[in-house]
Protein backbone atom coordinates (compact mmCIF):
# COMPACT_ATOMS: atom_id res chain seq x y z
CA MET A 1 25.77 95.43 133.83
CA SER A 2 27.17 98.85 133.04
CA MET A 3 27.36 100.08 129.48
CA SER A 4 31.14 99.81 129.35
CA ALA A 5 30.94 96.20 130.57
CA TYR A 6 28.39 95.51 127.84
CA VAL A 7 30.66 96.99 125.17
CA TYR A 8 33.61 95.06 126.59
CA ARG A 9 31.69 91.76 126.43
CA LEU A 10 30.60 92.52 122.86
CA SER A 11 34.16 93.30 121.79
CA LEU A 12 35.41 90.05 123.39
CA THR A 13 32.71 88.10 121.58
CA HIS A 14 33.62 89.81 118.31
CA ALA A 15 37.29 88.89 118.76
CA ARG A 16 36.44 85.27 119.59
CA LEU A 17 34.27 84.99 116.51
CA GLN A 18 37.08 86.46 114.40
CA ASP A 19 39.50 83.87 115.79
CA ALA A 20 37.02 81.06 115.11
CA ILE A 21 36.64 82.24 111.51
CA ARG A 22 40.43 82.34 111.04
CA ARG A 23 40.84 78.85 112.50
CA GLU A 24 38.09 77.43 110.30
CA LEU A 25 39.55 79.01 107.17
CA LYS A 26 43.01 77.62 107.98
CA SER A 27 41.71 74.07 108.29
CA ARG A 28 42.35 71.68 105.44
CA PHE A 29 38.67 71.41 104.54
CA PRO A 30 36.84 74.47 105.85
CA ASP A 31 33.15 74.12 106.63
CA TRP A 32 31.79 77.00 104.55
CA LEU A 33 28.38 76.87 106.20
CA ARG A 34 30.02 77.31 109.60
CA VAL A 35 32.15 80.17 108.25
CA ALA A 36 29.03 81.91 106.92
CA ARG A 37 27.23 81.49 110.25
CA LEU A 38 30.21 82.81 112.20
CA LYS A 39 30.49 85.81 109.89
CA LYS A 40 26.79 86.55 110.29
CA LEU A 41 27.14 86.45 114.08
CA ARG A 42 30.26 88.63 113.93
CA LEU A 43 28.41 91.20 111.83
CA ALA A 44 25.50 91.24 114.30
CA ILE A 45 27.97 91.93 117.13
CA LYS A 46 29.63 94.65 115.08
CA ASP A 47 26.23 96.27 114.49
CA ARG A 48 25.52 96.21 118.23
CA LEU A 49 28.89 97.82 118.90
CA ALA A 50 28.17 100.50 116.32
CA ALA A 51 24.80 101.16 117.94
CA GLN A 52 26.64 101.82 121.21
CA GLY A 53 28.89 104.35 119.45
CA PHE A 54 31.97 102.15 119.73
CA SER A 55 34.42 101.98 116.85
CA GLY A 56 37.00 99.25 117.29
CA ALA A 57 40.63 99.47 116.29
CA ASP A 58 39.98 97.19 113.32
CA ASN A 59 37.60 99.81 111.87
CA ARG A 60 40.14 102.64 111.96
CA ARG A 61 41.86 103.47 108.72
CA SER A 62 45.03 105.46 108.36
CA LEU A 63 44.71 108.43 106.04
CA VAL A 64 48.45 108.69 105.40
């Protein structure tokens, strides 16, 4: 697997985890343990992306 494919797979996984967190939080009775686990996994993926030198669009801040 090439490095760009690896980064692509990580970014897809990060987005899927983000969607899962949003869905869980929108439910009537969110499972807070599941939310915490998903956030921990998402952070681990974000750390791997940062180690590859990738900064996603969600990390960019406008300085205007």
